[in-house]
Amino acid sequence: MNYDIFNGDADGIIALLQLRLANPIESTLITGVKRDIQLLRKVAAQPGDDVTVLDISMEKNIDALTPLLAAGVKVFYADHHRSGAIPESDNLSAHIDLDPNTCTSLIVDKHLKGQYHYWAIAAAYGDNLMAAADELCSLAGLTAEQAAQLNELGTLINYNGYGSSISDLHFEPAALYTALKAYPNPFDAIADKASPFYQLQAAYGQDMAKAQAVNALHESSNLAVFELPNEAWAKRISGVYGNYLANKNPNLAHAVLTDNEDDTYTVSLRAPLTNKQGAGDICSQFETGGGRAAAAGINALNKGELGEFMLATEQYYRAIDE
């Protein structure tokens, strides 16, 4: 059997999209909301099975990965998050790059020698790699209008992945992947008025307008913090709102807090775009936290720990400035 395991955001969906457009196979899809990253434990693979893992931290899945490899399961693993020690196994094909200016779809794009390059660029935009994606558009000879279209498409696919549960999303990620597989070229998805692009576009506009009406909870020369309510729209917009804030003020770190029902916050942290480091290290100090250098999060930060989180973030970026 074949298993395709992928993050439910733009990068995970588009990484798989490229691979399966290049190599169509029947597979069992395993995914979830963006923050559902311990996906490998959901696999019941047997010796001789093939497992593809995309855009989820190897470090967070090592306890499930190790026995699969030992049992003779072949694993193709591509990612750009914290990896920890990469196992040495003939059954593992690891494509790991922790450069803050790359993403899993760009890693897959390199692996496929650019077969679906425009899709990879859309994913880079969705992962907020704006400068890298702009440069790729320029090298590909795309117009400013085409670059803007790929930017919007990637952002919308990424927006769809955020939520505390699948019910918060407009499309279940596996269903969105399946719908997008009908378009070998992302510009075809934009041209088709029946594609998911237009439903997501309308919903994104409504949710972003609500987020933009929220005032900062805290703002200093190093960090701005925004608190969103315990509502479905807030859970959907939290990640892309963090990206929006980061692009609006690239010298600041930004934290978006979304109120949960259990006296905790879901946290999205963005490092300053002018200094893309530290976000994963900061969030990893807290239980349920993790991520990469430029962007990270905490699934459930106790509200009593908010001051500690803000202090850790302030101190980290203040020390760098000094």
C-alpha atoms as a PDB file:
ATOM      1  CA  MET A   1       0.000   0.000   0.000  1.00  0.00           C
ATOM      2  CA  ASN A   2       0.947   3.626  -0.469  1.00  0.00           C
ATOM      3  CA  TYR A   3       0.408   6.307   2.162  1.00  0.00           C
ATOM      4  CA  ASP A   4       0.653  10.057   1.529  1.00  0.00           C
ATOM      5  CA  ILE A   5       1.015  12.028   4.771  1.00  0.00           C
ATOM      6  CA  PHE A   6       1.040  15.800   4.514  1.00  0.00           C
ATOM      7  CA  ASN A   7       0.468  19.003   6.423  1.00  0.00           C
ATOM      8  CA  GLY A   8      -2.936  20.536   5.671  1.00  0.00           C
ATOM      9  CA  ASP A   9      -1.488  23.942   4.739  1.00  0.00           C
ATOM     10  CA  ALA A  10      -0.426  25.280   1.333  1.00  0.00           C
ATOM     11  CA  ASP A  11       3.093  23.902   1.563  1.00  0.00           C
ATOM     12  CA  GLY A  12       2.023  20.375   2.472  1.00  0.00           C
ATOM     13  CA  ILE A  13      -0.823  20.226  -0.047  1.00  0.00           C
ATOM     14  CA  ILE A  14       1.209  21.642  -2.930  1.00  0.00           C
ATOM     15  CA  ALA A  15       4.252  19.494  -2.150  1.00  0.00           C
ATOM     16  CA  LEU A  16       2.064  16.401  -2.553  1.00  0.00           C
ATOM     17  CA  LEU A  17       0.306  17.912  -5.560  1.00  0.00           C
ATOM     18  CA  GLN A  18       3.622  18.201  -7.396  1.00  0.00           C
ATOM     19  CA  LEU A  19       4.678  14.660  -6.533  1.00  0.00           C
ATOM     20  CA  ARG A  20       1.398  13.080  -7.600  1.00  0.00           C
ATOM     21  CA  LEU A  21       1.074  15.113 -10.790  1.00  0.00           C
ATOM     22  CA  ALA A  22       4.542  13.792 -11.678  1.00  0.00           C
ATOM     23  CA  ASN A  23       3.878  10.256 -10.392  1.00  0.00           C
ATOM     24  CA  PRO A  24       0.160   9.434 -10.089  1.00  0.00           C
ATOM     25  CA  ILE A  25      -0.536   6.537  -7.709  1.00  0.00           C
ATOM     26  CA  GLU A  26      -3.404   5.267  -5.598  1.00  0.00           C
ATOM     27  CA  SER A  27      -2.707   6.119  -1.961  1.00  0.00           C
ATOM     28  CA  THR A  28      -4.281   6.557   1.447  1.00  0.00           C
ATOM     29  CA  LEU A  29      -4.271  10.257   2.368  1.00  0.00           C
ATOM     30  CA  ILE A  30      -3.497  11.263   5.955  1.00  0.00           C
ATOM     31  CA  THR A  31      -3.641  14.947   6.871  1.00  0.00           C
ATOM     32  CA  GLY A  32      -5.434  17.401   9.163  1.00  0.00           C
ATOM     33  CA  VAL A  33      -5.528  21.019  10.236  1.00  0.00           C
ATOM     34  CA  LYS A  34      -2.203  22.820   9.961  1.00  0.00           C
ATOM     35  CA  ARG A  35      -1.272  22.300  13.607  1.00  0.00           C
ATOM     36  CA  ASP A  36      -1.972  18.583  13.481  1.00  0.00           C
ATOM     37  CA  ILE A  37       1.613  17.553  12.801  1.00  0.00           C
ATOM     38  CA  GLN A  38       2.049  14.226  14.612  1.00  0.00           C
ATOM     39  CA  LEU A  39       0.501  12.457  11.658  1.00  0.00           C
ATOM     40  CA  LEU A  40       2.911   9.569  11.220  1.00  0.00           C
ATOM     41  CA  ARG A  41       1.463   7.756  14.237  1.00  0.00           C
ATOM     42  CA  LYS A  42      -1.809   7.419  12.309  1.00  0.00           C
ATOM     43  CA  VAL A  43      -0.171   5.118   9.759  1.00  0.00           C
ATOM     44  CA  ALA A  44      -0.659   1.365   9.985  1.00  0.00           C
ATOM     45  CA  ALA A  45       1.963   0.573   7.333  1.00  0.00           C
ATOM     46  CA  GLN A  46       3.349  -2.924   6.856  1.00  0.00           C
ATOM     47  CA  PRO A  47       6.746  -4.141   5.595  1.00  0.00           C
ATOM     48  CA  GLY A  48       7.002  -3.382   1.902  1.00  0.00           C
ATOM     49  CA  ASP A  49       4.591  -0.440   2.022  1.00  0.00           C
ATOM     50  CA  ASP A  50       5.637   2.994   0.757  1.00  0.00           C
ATOM     51  CA  VAL A  51       5.077   6.110   2.876  1.00  0.00           C
ATOM     52  CA  THR A  52       5.523   9.703   1.698  1.00  0.00           C
ATOM     53  CA  VAL A  53       5.773  12.332   4.449  1.00  0.00           C
ATOM     54  CA  LEU A  54       5.622  16.037   3.611  1.00  0.00           C
ATOM     55  CA  ASP A  55       5.937  19.227   5.638  1.00  0.00           C
ATOM     56  CA  ILE A  56       5.748  17.854   9.172  1.00  0.00           C
ATOM     57  CA  SER A  57       8.653  17.940  11.611  1.00  0.00           C
ATOM     58  CA  MET A  58      10.714  14.749  11.730  1.00  0.00           C
ATOM     59  CA  GLU A  59      11.609  15.599  15.318  1.00  0.00           C
ATOM     60  CA  LYS A  60       7.921  15.544  16.289  1.00  0.00           C
ATOM     61  CA  ASN A  61       7.353  12.233  14.453  1.00  0.00           C
ATOM     62  CA  ILE A  62      10.543  10.322  15.233  1.00  0.00           C
ATOM     63  CA  ASP A  63       8.834   7.913  17.662  1.00  0.00           C
ATOM     64  CA  ALA A  64       6.542   6.740  14.857  1.00  0.00           C
ATOM     65  CA  LEU A  65       9.158   6.920  12.101  1.00  0.00           C
ATOM     66  CA  THR A  66      11.774   4.712  13.771  1.00  0.00           C
ATOM     67  CA  PRO A  67       9.657   1.528  14.043  1.00  0.00           C
ATOM     68  CA  LEU A  68       8.372   1.962  10.471  1.00  0.00           C
ATOM     69  CA  LEU A  69      11.909   2.028   9.131  1.00  0.00           C
ATOM     70  CA  ALA A  70      12.898  -0.931  11.296  1.00  0.00           C
ATOM     71  CA  ALA A  71       9.917  -2.908   9.955  1.00  0.00           C
ATOM     72  CA  GLY A  72      11.022  -2.438   6.349  1.00  0.00           C
ATOM     73  CA  VAL A  73       8.639   0.368   5.341  1.00  0.00           C
ATOM     74  CA  LYS A  74      10.094   2.629   2.634  1.00  0.00           C
ATOM     75  CA  VAL A  75       9.783   6.300   3.627  1.00  0.00           C
ATOM     76  CA  PHE A  76      10.270   9.390   1.439  1.00  0.00           C
ATOM     77  CA  TYR A  77      10.476  12.355   3.816  1.00  0.00           C
ATOM     78  CA  ALA A  78      10.670  16.007   2.681  1.00  0.00           C
ATOM     79  CA  ASP A  79      10.491  18.879   5.157  1.00  0.00           C
ATOM     80  CA  HIS A  80      11.967  22.193   6.344  1.00  0.00           C
ATOM     81  CA  HIS A  81      11.059  22.127  10.051  1.00  0.00           C
ATOM     82  CA  ARG A  82      13.178  21.065  13.029  1.00  0.00           C
ATOM     83  CA  SER A  83      14.377  17.556  12.230  1.00  0.00           C
ATOM     84  CA  GLY A  84      16.459  16.446  15.189  1.00  0.00           C
ATOM     85  CA  ALA A  85      18.876  13.622  14.388  1.00  0.00           C
ATOM     86  CA  ILE A  86      17.965  12.060  11.042  1.00  0.00           C
ATOM     87  CA  PRO A  87      17.921   8.243  11.267  1.00  0.00           C
ATOM     88  CA  GLU A  88      20.420   6.311   9.170  1.00  0.00           C
ATOM     89  CA  SER A  89      18.424   3.703   7.276  1.00  0.00           C
ATOM     90  CA  ASP A  90      18.387   2.274   3.767  1.00  0.00           C
ATOM     91  CA  ASN A  91      14.596   2.552   3.977  1.00  0.00           C
ATOM     92  CA  LEU A  92      14.662   6.354   4.427  1.00  0.00           C
ATOM     93  CA  SER A  93      15.009   8.890   1.615  1.00  0.00           C
ATOM     94  CA  ALA A  94      15.347  12.166   3.530  1.00  0.00           C
ATOM     95  CA  HIS A  95      15.106  15.546   1.810  1.00  0.00           C
ATOM     96  CA  ILE A  96      15.501  17.951   4.727  1.00  0.00           C
ATOM     97  CA  ASP A  97      16.512  21.616   4.351  1.00  0.00           C
ATOM     98  CA  LEU A  98      16.227  23.950   7.352  1.00  0.00           C
ATOM     99  CA  ASP A  99      17.114  27.128   5.443  1.00  0.00           C
ATOM    100  CA  PRO A 100      14.543  29.767   6.568  1.00  0.00           C
ATOM    101  CA  ASN A 101      14.155  30.852   2.939  1.00  0.00           C
ATOM    102  CA  THR A 102      12.904  27.526   1.641  1.00  0.00           C
ATOM    103  CA  CYS A 103       9.824  25.353   2.140  1.00  0.00           C
ATOM    104  CA  THR A 104       8.843  21.760   1.477  1.00  0.00           C
ATOM    105  CA  SER A 105       7.306  22.538  -1.909  1.00  0.00           C
ATOM    106  CA  LEU A 106      10.541  24.166  -3.061  1.00  0.00           C
ATOM    107  CA  ILE A 107      12.454  21.098  -1.843  1.00  0.00           C
ATOM    108  CA  VAL A 108      10.092  18.896  -3.879  1.00  0.00           C
ATOM    109  CA  ASP A 109      10.368  21.303  -6.835  1.00  0.00           C
ATOM    110  CA  LYS A 110      14.146  20.775  -6.797  1.00  0.00           C
ATOM    111  CA  HIS A 111      13.657  17.006  -6.515  1.00  0.00           C
ATOM    112  CA  LEU A 112      11.352  17.057  -9.564  1.00  0.00           C
ATOM    113  CA  LYS A 113      13.638  19.421 -11.491  1.00  0.00           C
ATOM    114  CA  GLY A 114      10.930  22.069 -11.787  1.00  0.00           C
ATOM    115  CA  GLN A 115       8.209  19.990 -13.465  1.00  0.00           C
ATOM    116  CA  TYR A 116       5.455  21.967 -11.673  1.00  0.00           C
ATOM    117  CA  HIS A 117       7.442  25.059 -10.835  1.00  0.00           C
ATOM    118  CA  TYR A 118       4.515  27.498 -10.808  1.00  0.00           C
ATOM    119  CA  TRP A 119       2.781  25.422  -8.142  1.00  0.00           C
ATOM    120  CA  ALA A 120       5.965  25.492  -6.051  1.00  0.00           C
ATOM    121  CA  ILE A 121       6.068  29.289  -6.313  1.00  0.00           C
ATOM    122  CA  ALA A 122       2.442  29.508  -5.135  1.00  0.00           C
ATOM    123  CA  ALA A 123       3.389  27.380  -2.109  1.00  0.00           C
ATOM    124  CA  ALA A 124       6.349  29.645  -1.325  1.00  0.00           C
ATOM    125  CA  TYR A 125       3.997  32.623  -1.281  1.00  0.00           C
ATOM    126  CA  GLY A 126       1.605  30.676   0.942  1.00  0.00           C
ATOM    127  CA  ASP A 127       4.459  29.970   3.365  1.00  0.00           C
ATOM    128  CA  ASN A 128       5.214  33.728   3.462  1.00  0.00           C
ATOM    129  CA  LEU A 129       8.513  33.412   1.584  1.00  0.00           C
ATOM    130  CA  MET A 130       7.679  36.576  -0.302  1.00  0.00           C
ATOM    131  CA  ALA A 131      11.175  37.653  -1.366  1.00  0.00           C
ATOM    132  CA  ALA A 132      12.128  34.137  -2.474  1.00  0.00           C
ATOM    133  CA  ALA A 133       8.864  33.711  -4.389  1.00  0.00           C
ATOM    134  CA  ASP A 134       9.207  37.134  -6.047  1.00  0.00           C
ATOM    135  CA  GLU A 135      12.708  36.205  -7.197  1.00  0.00           C
ATOM    136  CA  LEU A 136      11.487  32.867  -8.565  1.00  0.00           C
ATOM    137  CA  CYS A 137       8.732  34.660 -10.489  1.00  0.00           C
ATOM    138  CA  SER A 138      11.289  37.030 -11.975  1.00  0.00           C
ATOM    139  CA  LEU A 139      13.608  34.184 -12.976  1.00  0.00           C
ATOM    140  CA  ALA A 140      10.643  32.353 -14.532  1.00  0.00           C
ATOM    141  CA  GLY A 141       9.718  35.410 -16.603  1.00  0.00           C
ATOM    142  CA  LEU A 142       6.299  35.847 -15.000  1.00  0.00           C
ATOM    143  CA  THR A 143       4.572  39.209 -15.071  1.00  0.00           C
ATOM    144  CA  ALA A 144       3.742  41.205 -11.962  1.00  0.00           C
ATOM    145  CA  GLU A 145       0.078  40.254 -12.451  1.00  0.00           C
ATOM    146  CA  GLN A 146       0.918  36.537 -12.634  1.00  0.00           C
ATOM    147  CA  ALA A 147       3.085  36.815  -9.507  1.00  0.00           C
ATOM    148  CA  ALA A 148       0.203  38.498  -7.675  1.00  0.00           C
ATOM    149  CA  GLN A 149      -2.139  35.673  -8.735  1.00  0.00           C
ATOM    150  CA  LEU A 150       0.210  32.975  -7.443  1.00  0.00           C
ATOM    151  CA  ASN A 151       0.626  34.975  -4.228  1.00  0.00           C
ATOM    152  CA  GLU A 152      -3.116  35.109  -3.681  1.00  0.00           C
ATOM    153  CA  LEU A 153      -3.639  31.432  -4.534  1.00  0.00           C
ATOM    154  CA  GLY A 154      -0.909  30.286  -2.148  1.00  0.00           C
ATOM    155  CA  THR A 155      -2.212  32.550   0.606  1.00  0.00           C
ATOM    156  CA  LEU A 156      -5.766  31.253   0.212  1.00  0.00           C
ATOM    157  CA  ILE A 157      -4.737  27.580   0.300  1.00  0.00           C
ATOM    158  CA  ASN A 158      -2.680  28.307   3.403  1.00  0.00           C
ATOM    159  CA  TYR A 159      -5.566  30.199   5.011  1.00  0.00           C
ATOM    160  CA  ASN A 160      -7.777  27.151   4.616  1.00  0.00           C
ATOM    161  CA  GLY A 161      -5.491  25.014   6.792  1.00  0.00           C
ATOM    162  CA  TYR A 162      -5.933  26.961  10.030  1.00  0.00           C
ATOM    163  CA  GLY A 163      -8.515  25.967  12.610  1.00  0.00           C
ATOM    164  CA  SER A 164      -8.811  24.068  15.857  1.00  0.00           C
ATOM    165  CA  SER A 165     -10.651  21.275  14.052  1.00  0.00           C
ATOM    166  CA  ILE A 166     -11.632  20.251  10.530  1.00  0.00           C
ATOM    167  CA  SER A 167     -15.090  21.747  11.132  1.00  0.00           C
ATOM    168  CA  ASP A 168     -13.533  25.236  11.252  1.00  0.00           C
ATOM    169  CA  LEU A 169     -12.166  24.881   7.704  1.00  0.00           C
ATOM    170  CA  HIS A 170     -13.896  25.642   4.439  1.00  0.00           C
ATOM    171  CA  PHE A 171     -12.369  22.546   2.809  1.00  0.00           C
ATOM    172  CA  GLU A 172     -11.075  19.391   4.471  1.00  0.00           C
ATOM    173  CA  PRO A 173      -7.382  19.446   3.405  1.00  0.00           C
ATOM    174  CA  ALA A 174      -7.484  16.072   1.628  1.00  0.00           C
ATOM    175  CA  ALA A 175     -10.553  17.237  -0.317  1.00  0.00           C
ATOM    176  CA  LEU A 176      -8.836  20.511  -1.240  1.00  0.00           C
ATOM    177  CA  TYR A 177      -5.771  18.589  -2.439  1.00  0.00           C
ATOM    178  CA  THR A 178      -7.994  16.301  -4.520  1.00  0.00           C
ATOM    179  CA  ALA A 179      -9.823  19.268  -6.073  1.00  0.00           C
ATOM    180  CA  LEU A 180      -6.577  21.054  -6.948  1.00  0.00           C
ATOM    181  CA  LYS A 181      -5.135  17.915  -8.554  1.00  0.00           C
ATOM    182  CA  ALA A 182      -7.403  18.668 -11.508  1.00  0.00           C
ATOM    183  CA  TYR A 183      -5.151  21.629 -12.374  1.00  0.00           C
ATOM    184  CA  PRO A 184      -1.591  20.805 -13.511  1.00  0.00           C
ATOM    185  CA  ASN A 185      -1.069  24.557 -13.855  1.00  0.00           C
ATOM    186  CA  PRO A 186      -2.149  26.867 -10.994  1.00  0.00           C
ATOM    187  CA  PHE A 187      -3.266  29.519 -13.458  1.00  0.00           C
ATOM    188  CA  ASP A 188      -5.898  27.032 -14.660  1.00  0.00           C
ATOM    189  CA  ALA A 189      -7.302  26.893 -11.105  1.00  0.00           C
ATOM    190  CA  ILE A 190      -7.518  30.684 -11.051  1.00  0.00           C
ATOM    191  CA  ALA A 191      -9.189  30.782 -14.469  1.00  0.00           C
ATOM    192  CA  ASP A 192     -11.861  28.232 -13.489  1.00  0.00           C
ATOM    193  CA  LYS A 193     -14.688  30.048 -11.727  1.00  0.00           C
ATOM    194  CA  ALA A 194     -15.808  26.721 -10.209  1.00  0.00           C
ATOM    195  CA  SER A 195     -12.458  26.035  -8.534  1.00  0.00           C
ATOM    196  CA  PRO A 196     -11.939  26.375  -4.743  1.00  0.00           C
ATOM    197  CA  PHE A 197     -10.043  29.622  -5.366  1.00  0.00           C
ATOM    198  CA  TYR A 198     -13.181  31.776  -5.481  1.00  0.00           C
ATOM    199  CA  GLN A 199     -14.919  30.342  -2.418  1.00  0.00           C
ATOM    200  CA  LEU A 200     -11.722  30.804  -0.406  1.00  0.00           C
ATOM    201  CA  GLN A 201     -11.209  34.303  -1.787  1.00  0.00           C
ATOM    202  CA  ALA A 202     -14.609  35.490  -0.551  1.00  0.00           C
ATOM    203  CA  ALA A 203     -14.244  33.860   2.874  1.00  0.00           C
ATOM    204  CA  TYR A 204     -10.690  35.168   3.357  1.00  0.00           C
ATOM    205  CA  GLY A 205     -11.807  38.739   2.714  1.00  0.00           C
ATOM    206  CA  GLN A 206     -14.508  38.520   5.376  1.00  0.00           C
ATOM    207  CA  ASP A 207     -12.248  36.969   8.020  1.00  0.00           C
ATOM    208  CA  MET A 208      -9.328  39.329   7.361  1.00  0.00           C
ATOM    209  CA  ALA A 209     -11.553  42.386   7.717  1.00  0.00           C
ATOM    210  CA  LYS A 210     -12.524  41.229  11.211  1.00  0.00           C
ATOM    211  CA  ALA A 211      -8.902  40.627  12.196  1.00  0.00           C
ATOM    212  CA  GLN A 212      -7.764  44.024  10.953  1.00  0.00           C
ATOM    213  CA  ALA A 213     -10.275  45.675  13.273  1.00  0.00           C
ATOM    214  CA  VAL A 214      -8.473  44.251  16.352  1.00  0.00           C
ATOM    215  CA  ASN A 215      -6.104  46.570  18.237  1.00  0.00           C
ATOM    216  CA  ALA A 216      -2.710  45.393  19.494  1.00  0.00           C
ATOM    217  CA  LEU A 217      -2.652  43.906  22.997  1.00  0.00           C
ATOM    218  CA  HIS A 218       1.039  44.811  23.309  1.00  0.00           C
ATOM    219  CA  GLU A 219       3.499  46.649  21.087  1.00  0.00           C
ATOM    220  CA  SER A 220       7.174  47.514  21.609  1.00  0.00           C
ATOM    221  CA  SER A 221      10.219  48.073  19.423  1.00  0.00           C
ATOM    222  CA  ASN A 222      10.694  44.290  19.241  1.00  0.00           C
ATOM    223  CA  LEU A 223       7.273  42.647  19.446  1.00  0.00           C
ATOM    224  CA  ALA A 224       3.610  43.222  18.639  1.00  0.00           C
ATOM    225  CA  VAL A 225       0.935  40.931  20.119  1.00  0.00           C
ATOM    226  CA  PHE A 226      -2.677  40.635  18.950  1.00  0.00           C
ATOM    227  CA  GLU A 227      -5.438  38.669  20.702  1.00  0.00           C
ATOM    228  CA  LEU A 228      -8.277  37.168  18.677  1.00  0.00           C
ATOM    229  CA  PRO A 229     -11.514  35.787  20.179  1.00  0.00           C
ATOM    230  CA  ASN A 230     -12.617  32.173  20.506  1.00  0.00           C
ATOM    231  CA  GLU A 231     -14.524  32.144  17.223  1.00  0.00           C
ATOM    232  CA  ALA A 232     -14.174  30.056  14.065  1.00  0.00           C
ATOM    233  CA  TRP A 233     -13.204  33.031  11.886  1.00  0.00           C
ATOM    234  CA  ALA A 234     -10.364  33.910  14.268  1.00  0.00           C
ATOM    235  CA  LYS A 235      -8.989  30.359  14.241  1.00  0.00           C
ATOM    236  CA  ARG A 236      -9.080  30.341  10.431  1.00  0.00           C
ATOM    237  CA  ILE A 237      -7.321  33.681   9.957  1.00  0.00           C
ATOM    238  CA  SER A 238      -4.704  33.452  12.734  1.00  0.00           C
ATOM    239  CA  GLY A 239      -1.774  32.173  10.700  1.00  0.00           C
ATOM    240  CA  VAL A 240      -2.188  34.234   7.553  1.00  0.00           C
ATOM    241  CA  TYR A 241      -2.959  37.277   9.728  1.00  0.00           C
ATOM    242  CA  GLY A 242       0.438  36.756  11.358  1.00  0.00           C
ATOM    243  CA  ASN A 243       2.006  36.706   7.891  1.00  0.00           C
ATOM    244  CA  TYR A 244       0.113  39.869   6.962  1.00  0.00           C
ATOM    245  CA  LEU A 245       1.383  41.653  10.075  1.00  0.00           C
ATOM    246  CA  ALA A 246       4.957  40.491   9.445  1.00  0.00           C
ATOM    247  CA  ASN A 247       4.911  41.899   5.917  1.00  0.00           C
ATOM    248  CA  LYS A 248       3.322  45.137   7.108  1.00  0.00           C
ATOM    249  CA  ASN A 249       6.088  45.736   9.690  1.00  0.00           C
ATOM    250  CA  PRO A 250       9.087  43.527   8.791  1.00  0.00           C
ATOM    251  CA  ASN A 251      11.309  44.767  11.640  1.00  0.00           C
ATOM    252  CA  LEU A 252       9.014  43.443  14.397  1.00  0.00           C
ATOM    253  CA  ALA A 253       8.273  39.970  15.701  1.00  0.00           C
ATOM    254  CA  HIS A 254       4.514  39.313  15.774  1.00  0.00           C
ATOM    255  CA  ALA A 255       2.450  36.990  17.938  1.00  0.00           C
ATOM    256  CA  VAL A 256      -1.204  36.263  17.228  1.00  0.00           C
ATOM    257  CA  LEU A 257      -3.064  34.733  20.181  1.00  0.00           C
ATOM    258  CA  THR A 258      -6.339  32.939  19.579  1.00  0.00           C
ATOM    259  CA  ASP A 259      -8.456  32.363  22.671  1.00  0.00           C
ATOM    260  CA  ASN A 260      -9.392  28.732  23.350  1.00  0.00           C
ATOM    261  CA  GLU A 261     -12.186  27.346  25.520  1.00  0.00           C
ATOM    262  CA  ASP A 262      -9.881  25.915  28.185  1.00  0.00           C
ATOM    263  CA  ASP A 263      -7.989  28.937  29.543  1.00  0.00           C
ATOM    264  CA  THR A 264      -5.266  28.615  26.890  1.00  0.00           C
ATOM    265  CA  TYR A 265      -4.181  30.441  23.753  1.00  0.00           C
ATOM    266  CA  THR A 266      -3.215  29.052  20.382  1.00  0.00           C
ATOM    267  CA  VAL A 267      -0.126  31.085  19.433  1.00  0.00           C
ATOM    268  CA  SER A 268       1.245  31.940  15.990  1.00  0.00           C
ATOM    269  CA  LEU A 269       4.682  33.575  16.212  1.00  0.00           C
ATOM    270  CA  ARG A 270       6.450  35.228  13.283  1.00  0.00           C
ATOM    271  CA  ALA A 271      10.088  36.300  13.494  1.00  0.00           C
ATOM    272  CA  PRO A 272      10.923  39.690  11.967  1.00  0.00           C
ATOM    273  CA  LEU A 273      11.217  39.315   8.202  1.00  0.00           C
ATOM    274  CA  THR A 274      14.482  41.240   8.417  1.00  0.00           C
ATOM    275  CA  ASN A 275      15.853  38.648  10.854  1.00  0.00           C
ATOM    276  CA  LYS A 276      14.182  35.289  10.270  1.00  0.00           C
ATOM    277  CA  GLN A 277      15.422  33.292  13.232  1.00  0.00           C
ATOM    278  CA  GLY A 278      14.414  32.161  16.699  1.00  0.00           C
ATOM    279  CA  ALA A 279      10.660  31.565  16.428  1.00  0.00           C
ATOM    280  CA  GLY A 280      10.942  27.775  16.639  1.00  0.00           C
ATOM    281  CA  ASP A 281      13.402  27.929  19.530  1.00  0.00           C
ATOM    282  CA  ILE A 282      11.169  30.301  21.496  1.00  0.00           C
ATOM    283  CA  CYS A 283       7.986  28.269  21.012  1.00  0.00           C
ATOM    284  CA  SER A 284       9.770  24.995  21.768  1.00  0.00           C
ATOM    285  CA  GLN A 285      10.399  26.254  25.302  1.00  0.00           C
ATOM    286  CA  PHE A 286       6.691  25.733  25.956  1.00  0.00           C
ATOM    287  CA  GLU A 287       4.734  22.480  26.005  1.00  0.00           C
ATOM    288  CA  THR A 288       2.894  21.905  22.687  1.00  0.00           C
ATOM    289  CA  GLY A 289       5.215  24.453  21.006  1.00  0.00           C
ATOM    290  CA  GLY A 290       7.435  24.050  17.967  1.00  0.00           C
ATOM    291  CA  GLY A 291       8.076  25.208  14.425  1.00  0.00           C
ATOM    292  CA  ARG A 292      10.868  26.643  12.343  1.00  0.00           C
ATOM    293  CA  ALA A 293      13.168  29.632  12.588  1.00  0.00           C
ATOM    294  CA  ALA A 294      10.924  32.116  10.779  1.00  0.00           C
ATOM    295  CA  ALA A 295       7.499  30.923  11.896  1.00  0.00           C
ATOM    296  CA  ALA A 296       6.351  28.789  14.803  1.00  0.00           C
ATOM    297  CA  GLY A 297       3.490  28.256  17.209  1.00  0.00           C
ATOM    298  CA  ILE A 298       2.149  26.849  20.433  1.00  0.00           C
ATOM    299  CA  ASN A 299      -1.011  24.782  20.293  1.00  0.00           C
ATOM    300  CA  ALA A 300      -2.099  25.454  23.888  1.00  0.00           C
ATOM    301  CA  LEU A 301      -0.279  28.131  25.901  1.00  0.00           C
ATOM    302  CA  ASN A 302      -1.682  28.461  29.417  1.00  0.00           C
ATOM    303  CA  LYS A 303      -2.887  32.022  29.846  1.00  0.00           C
ATOM    304  CA  GLY A 304      -0.809  32.245  33.018  1.00  0.00           C
ATOM    305  CA  GLU A 305       2.291  31.705  30.852  1.00  0.00           C
ATOM    306  CA  LEU A 306       1.557  34.582  28.486  1.00  0.00           C
ATOM    307  CA  GLY A 307       3.866  36.965  30.362  1.00  0.00           C
ATOM    308  CA  GLU A 308       6.666  34.397  30.285  1.00  0.00           C
ATOM    309  CA  PHE A 309       6.177  33.873  26.545  1.00  0.00           C
ATOM    310  CA  MET A 310       6.181  37.599  25.806  1.00  0.00           C
ATOM    311  CA  LEU A 311       9.271  38.139  27.966  1.00  0.00           C
ATOM    312  CA  ALA A 312      11.135  35.297  26.240  1.00  0.00           C
ATOM    313  CA  THR A 313      10.259  36.734  22.837  1.00  0.00           C
ATOM    314  CA  GLU A 314      11.156  40.307  23.812  1.00  0.00           C
ATOM    315  CA  GLN A 315      14.480  39.220  25.300  1.00  0.00           C
ATOM    316  CA  TYR A 316      15.413  37.094  22.298  1.00  0.00           C
ATOM    317  CA  TYR A 317      14.930  39.821  19.718  1.00  0.00           C
ATOM    318  CA  ARG A 318      16.228  42.597  21.968  1.00  0.00           C
ATOM    319  CA  ALA A 319      19.466  40.655  22.439  1.00  0.00           C
ATOM    320  CA  ILE A 320      19.841  40.296  18.674  1.00  0.00           C
ATOM    321  CA  ASP A 321      19.287  44.028  18.155  1.00  0.00           C
ATOM    322  CA  GLU A 322      21.965  44.803  20.717  1.00  0.00           C
END
